[in-house]
Amino acid sequence: MEPENELDPLVLKLWRIRGFMNSIPMVIVALVYNFFYQIMPHTPLPEEGIYITIALALFGGFISIYVLPTWHYRSWRVNYRMDEIDFISGIFIKKRITIPIIRIQNIESNVGPLAKKIGVMSLTISTAAASHKLPEMPEEEALELKKRIQRLIRNSL
């Protein structure tokens, strides 16, 4: 059975804010280029370069704020069942991972300052083979999932 649960809309909000923060350097480069062209009119920098850098900054900002977060949000599907965690991720290449609850050795909760302000956190689940980072989810849901997995692990021992 395919995972069907979508992520919480707060995750999309967080990813868009991160995309905005990642696009700031592109805008700074465009502004610096424009600044140097304004103070040094006889510079070897071509005038078209201003328009190209501004267009690239706007295009890159649009991609990192709207397109990529939306694609990532639509590509994630998660199911948390009693005996396993099943999720699908990937924009172009879909990757499905099923983690049996009894194989889980460690659960880490991760929350950064921006995620804390929005009220989400992510979980990293470690097995003997690998670690898997689950996408951000509402803080209460993440803590409940963490407690439930820990309870199931204790009961299975």
C-alpha atoms as a PDB file:
ATOM      1  CA  MET A   1       0.000   0.000   0.000  1.00  0.00           C
ATOM      2  CA  GLU A   2       1.384   3.386  -1.054  1.00  0.00           C
ATOM      3  CA  PRO A   3       1.826   6.114   1.563  1.00  0.00           C
ATOM      4  CA  GLU A   4      -0.988   8.627   1.145  1.00  0.00           C
ATOM      5  CA  ASN A   5      -0.623  11.210   3.902  1.00  0.00           C
ATOM      6  CA  GLU A   6       0.568  14.612   2.751  1.00  0.00           C
ATOM      7  CA  LEU A   7       2.744  16.835   4.865  1.00  0.00           C
ATOM      8  CA  ASP A   8       1.327  19.604   7.011  1.00  0.00           C
ATOM      9  CA  PRO A   9       0.983  22.990   5.212  1.00  0.00           C
ATOM     10  CA  LEU A  10       3.293  24.516   7.849  1.00  0.00           C
ATOM     11  CA  VAL A  11       6.122  22.547   6.233  1.00  0.00           C
ATOM     12  CA  LEU A  12       5.498  24.289   2.908  1.00  0.00           C
ATOM     13  CA  LYS A  13       5.565  27.634   4.715  1.00  0.00           C
ATOM     14  CA  LEU A  14       8.904  26.740   6.337  1.00  0.00           C
ATOM     15  CA  TRP A  15      10.410  25.585   3.037  1.00  0.00           C
ATOM     16  CA  ARG A  16       9.287  28.799   1.307  1.00  0.00           C
ATOM     17  CA  ILE A  17      10.871  30.940   4.020  1.00  0.00           C
ATOM     18  CA  ARG A  18      14.097  28.942   3.648  1.00  0.00           C
ATOM     19  CA  GLY A  19      13.890  29.452  -0.122  1.00  0.00           C
ATOM     20  CA  PHE A  20      13.544  33.190   0.441  1.00  0.00           C
ATOM     21  CA  MET A  21      16.582  33.174   2.719  1.00  0.00           C
ATOM     22  CA  ASN A  22      18.554  31.192   0.130  1.00  0.00           C
ATOM     23  CA  SER A  23      17.658  33.691  -2.606  1.00  0.00           C
ATOM     24  CA  ILE A  24      19.002  36.688  -0.662  1.00  0.00           C
ATOM     25  CA  PRO A  25      22.625  36.168  -1.875  1.00  0.00           C
ATOM     26  CA  MET A  26      21.437  36.257  -5.505  1.00  0.00           C
ATOM     27  CA  VAL A  27      19.709  39.594  -4.903  1.00  0.00           C
ATOM     28  CA  ILE A  28      22.799  40.953  -3.131  1.00  0.00           C
ATOM     29  CA  VAL A  29      24.979  40.038  -6.135  1.00  0.00           C
ATOM     30  CA  ALA A  30      22.554  41.841  -8.465  1.00  0.00           C
ATOM     31  CA  LEU A  31      22.519  44.921  -6.222  1.00  0.00           C
ATOM     32  CA  VAL A  32      26.322  44.995  -5.904  1.00  0.00           C
ATOM     33  CA  TYR A  33      26.669  44.697  -9.687  1.00  0.00           C
ATOM     34  CA  ASN A  34      24.184  47.547 -10.146  1.00  0.00           C
ATOM     35  CA  PHE A  35      25.949  49.640  -7.491  1.00  0.00           C
ATOM     36  CA  PHE A  36      29.363  49.286  -9.134  1.00  0.00           C
ATOM     37  CA  TYR A  37      27.914  50.116 -12.511  1.00  0.00           C
ATOM     38  CA  GLN A  38      26.297  53.290 -11.097  1.00  0.00           C
ATOM     39  CA  ILE A  39      29.422  54.607  -9.318  1.00  0.00           C
ATOM     40  CA  MET A  40      31.824  53.685 -12.132  1.00  0.00           C
ATOM     41  CA  PRO A  41      30.071  54.464 -15.441  1.00  0.00           C
ATOM     42  CA  HIS A  42      33.227  53.788 -17.480  1.00  0.00           C
ATOM     43  CA  THR A  43      33.644  50.330 -16.061  1.00  0.00           C
ATOM     44  CA  PRO A  44      34.249  47.372 -18.349  1.00  0.00           C
ATOM     45  CA  LEU A  45      31.064  45.818 -16.951  1.00  0.00           C
ATOM     46  CA  PRO A  46      28.448  45.657 -19.713  1.00  0.00           C
ATOM     47  CA  GLU A  47      25.188  47.527 -19.161  1.00  0.00           C
ATOM     48  CA  GLU A  48      23.223  44.440 -20.154  1.00  0.00           C
ATOM     49  CA  GLY A  49      24.839  42.675 -17.216  1.00  0.00           C
ATOM     50  CA  ILE A  50      22.662  44.687 -14.841  1.00  0.00           C
ATOM     51  CA  TYR A  51      19.490  43.437 -16.471  1.00  0.00           C
ATOM     52  CA  ILE A  52      20.811  39.904 -16.734  1.00  0.00           C
ATOM     53  CA  THR A  53      21.783  39.728 -13.048  1.00  0.00           C
ATOM     54  CA  ILE A  54      18.469  41.248 -11.956  1.00  0.00           C
ATOM     55  CA  ALA A  55      16.542  38.813 -14.171  1.00  0.00           C
ATOM     56  CA  LEU A  56      18.587  35.863 -12.881  1.00  0.00           C
ATOM     57  CA  ALA A  57      18.079  36.960  -9.271  1.00  0.00           C
ATOM     58  CA  LEU A  58      14.316  37.270  -9.774  1.00  0.00           C
ATOM     59  CA  PHE A  59      14.118  33.967 -11.629  1.00  0.00           C
ATOM     60  CA  GLY A  60      16.262  32.186  -9.022  1.00  0.00           C
ATOM     61  CA  GLY A  61      14.184  33.686  -6.231  1.00  0.00           C
ATOM     62  CA  PHE A  62      10.957  32.534  -7.892  1.00  0.00           C
ATOM     63  CA  ILE A  63      12.356  29.015  -8.317  1.00  0.00           C
ATOM     64  CA  SER A  64      13.666  28.754  -4.743  1.00  0.00           C
ATOM     65  CA  ILE A  65      10.616  30.363  -3.085  1.00  0.00           C
ATOM     66  CA  TYR A  66       7.703  28.901  -5.072  1.00  0.00           C
ATOM     67  CA  VAL A  67       8.661  26.118  -7.467  1.00  0.00           C
ATOM     68  CA  LEU A  68      11.060  23.887  -5.497  1.00  0.00           C
ATOM     69  CA  PRO A  69       9.174  23.963  -2.168  1.00  0.00           C
ATOM     70  CA  THR A  70       5.905  23.172  -3.956  1.00  0.00           C
ATOM     71  CA  TRP A  71       7.485  20.263  -5.847  1.00  0.00           C
ATOM     72  CA  HIS A  72       9.056  18.892  -2.659  1.00  0.00           C
ATOM     73  CA  TYR A  73       5.797  19.288  -0.760  1.00  0.00           C
ATOM     74  CA  ARG A  74       3.833  17.428  -3.434  1.00  0.00           C
ATOM     75  CA  SER A  75       6.433  14.666  -3.720  1.00  0.00           C
ATOM     76  CA  TRP A  76       6.429  13.638  -0.027  1.00  0.00           C
ATOM     77  CA  ARG A  77       3.951  11.021   1.174  1.00  0.00           C
ATOM     78  CA  VAL A  78       4.155   9.456   4.630  1.00  0.00           C
ATOM     79  CA  ASN A  79       2.327   6.732   6.571  1.00  0.00           C
ATOM     80  CA  TYR A  80       2.975   6.024  10.239  1.00  0.00           C
ATOM     81  CA  ARG A  81       1.611   2.568  11.023  1.00  0.00           C
ATOM     82  CA  MET A  82       1.866   0.464  14.161  1.00  0.00           C
ATOM     83  CA  ASP A  83       4.610  -1.768  12.757  1.00  0.00           C
ATOM     84  CA  GLU A  84       6.414   0.465  10.243  1.00  0.00           C
ATOM     85  CA  ILE A  85       7.040   3.937   8.902  1.00  0.00           C
ATOM     86  CA  ASP A  86       6.619   4.211   5.155  1.00  0.00           C
ATOM     87  CA  PHE A  87       7.480   7.272   3.084  1.00  0.00           C
ATOM     88  CA  ILE A  88       8.046   8.305  -0.518  1.00  0.00           C
ATOM     89  CA  SER A  89      10.152  11.293  -1.513  1.00  0.00           C
ATOM     90  CA  GLY A  90      11.810  12.675  -4.600  1.00  0.00           C
ATOM     91  CA  ILE A  91      10.839  15.051  -7.362  1.00  0.00           C
ATOM     92  CA  PHE A  92      12.161  13.238 -10.438  1.00  0.00           C
ATOM     93  CA  ILE A  93      13.373   9.975  -8.938  1.00  0.00           C
ATOM     94  CA  LYS A  94      10.915   8.592  -6.405  1.00  0.00           C
ATOM     95  CA  LYS A  95      12.474   6.850  -3.428  1.00  0.00           C
ATOM     96  CA  ARG A  96      10.317   4.691  -1.177  1.00  0.00           C
ATOM     97  CA  ILE A  97      11.622   3.750   2.244  1.00  0.00           C
ATOM     98  CA  THR A  98       9.922   1.436   4.711  1.00  0.00           C
ATOM     99  CA  ILE A  99      11.371   1.323   8.211  1.00  0.00           C
ATOM    100  CA  PRO A 100      10.174  -1.519  10.474  1.00  0.00           C
ATOM    101  CA  ILE A 101       9.589  -0.223  13.982  1.00  0.00           C
ATOM    102  CA  ILE A 102      11.570  -3.070  15.567  1.00  0.00           C
ATOM    103  CA  ARG A 103      14.675  -2.074  13.525  1.00  0.00           C
ATOM    104  CA  ILE A 104      14.772   1.463  14.885  1.00  0.00           C
ATOM    105  CA  GLN A 105      17.672   2.042  17.263  1.00  0.00           C
ATOM    106  CA  ASN A 106      17.564   5.780  17.840  1.00  0.00           C
ATOM    107  CA  ILE A 107      15.214   8.715  17.290  1.00  0.00           C
ATOM    108  CA  GLU A 108      16.493  12.284  17.266  1.00  0.00           C
ATOM    109  CA  SER A 109      14.293  15.352  17.181  1.00  0.00           C
ATOM    110  CA  ASN A 110      15.695  18.361  15.367  1.00  0.00           C
ATOM    111  CA  VAL A 111      14.340  21.885  15.571  1.00  0.00           C
ATOM    112  CA  GLY A 112      16.047  25.053  14.370  1.00  0.00           C
ATOM    113  CA  PRO A 113      15.148  28.618  15.318  1.00  0.00           C
ATOM    114  CA  LEU A 114      12.952  29.161  12.253  1.00  0.00           C
ATOM    115  CA  ALA A 115      11.208  25.798  12.633  1.00  0.00           C
ATOM    116  CA  LYS A 116      10.657  26.505  16.333  1.00  0.00           C
ATOM    117  CA  LYS A 117       9.022  29.844  15.520  1.00  0.00           C
ATOM    118  CA  ILE A 118       6.686  28.159  13.023  1.00  0.00           C
ATOM    119  CA  GLY A 119       6.021  25.254  15.409  1.00  0.00           C
ATOM    120  CA  VAL A 120       7.466  22.307  13.501  1.00  0.00           C
ATOM    121  CA  MET A 121      10.276  19.822  14.076  1.00  0.00           C
ATOM    122  CA  SER A 122      11.837  16.960  12.159  1.00  0.00           C
ATOM    123  CA  LEU A 123      12.773  13.494  13.316  1.00  0.00           C
ATOM    124  CA  THR A 124      15.839  11.507  12.342  1.00  0.00           C
ATOM    125  CA  ILE A 125      15.345   7.766  12.680  1.00  0.00           C
ATOM    126  CA  SER A 126      18.454   5.602  12.903  1.00  0.00           C
ATOM    127  CA  THR A 127      18.597   1.902  12.176  1.00  0.00           C
ATOM    128  CA  ALA A 128      21.634  -0.369  12.036  1.00  0.00           C
ATOM    129  CA  ALA A 129      21.887   0.278   8.297  1.00  0.00           C
ATOM    130  CA  ALA A 130      21.213   4.006   7.923  1.00  0.00           C
ATOM    131  CA  SER A 131      19.673   7.186   9.259  1.00  0.00           C
ATOM    132  CA  HIS A 132      16.536   8.628   7.701  1.00  0.00           C
ATOM    133  CA  LYS A 133      15.391  12.204   8.177  1.00  0.00           C
ATOM    134  CA  LEU A 134      11.647  12.572   8.158  1.00  0.00           C
ATOM    135  CA  PRO A 135      10.341  15.921   6.955  1.00  0.00           C
ATOM    136  CA  GLU A 136       9.195  18.556   9.389  1.00  0.00           C
ATOM    137  CA  MET A 137       5.834  18.063  11.054  1.00  0.00           C
ATOM    138  CA  PRO A 138       3.919  19.949  13.746  1.00  0.00           C
ATOM    139  CA  GLU A 139       5.763  19.767  17.037  1.00  0.00           C
ATOM    140  CA  GLU A 140       2.976  17.973  18.922  1.00  0.00           C
ATOM    141  CA  GLU A 141       2.665  15.370  16.171  1.00  0.00           C
ATOM    142  CA  ALA A 142       6.437  14.789  16.121  1.00  0.00           C
ATOM    143  CA  LEU A 143       6.654  14.365  19.885  1.00  0.00           C
ATOM    144  CA  GLU A 144       3.651  12.011  19.880  1.00  0.00           C
ATOM    145  CA  LEU A 145       5.194   9.937  17.067  1.00  0.00           C
ATOM    146  CA  LYS A 146       8.515   9.813  18.911  1.00  0.00           C
ATOM    147  CA  LYS A 147       6.828   8.640  22.133  1.00  0.00           C
ATOM    148  CA  ARG A 148       4.745   6.066  20.253  1.00  0.00           C
ATOM    149  CA  ILE A 149       7.810   4.620  18.509  1.00  0.00           C
ATOM    150  CA  GLN A 150       9.737   4.488  21.785  1.00  0.00           C
ATOM    151  CA  ARG A 151       6.786   2.706  23.431  1.00  0.00           C
ATOM    152  CA  LEU A 152       6.547   0.184  20.585  1.00  0.00           C
ATOM    153  CA  ILE A 153      10.285  -0.482  20.740  1.00  0.00           C
ATOM    154  CA  ARG A 154      10.143  -1.051  24.510  1.00  0.00           C
ATOM    155  CA  ASN A 155       7.154  -3.379  24.157  1.00  0.00           C
ATOM    156  CA  SER A 156       8.844  -5.414  21.424  1.00  0.00           C
ATOM    157  CA  LEU A 157      11.982  -6.099  23.490  1.00  0.00           C
END
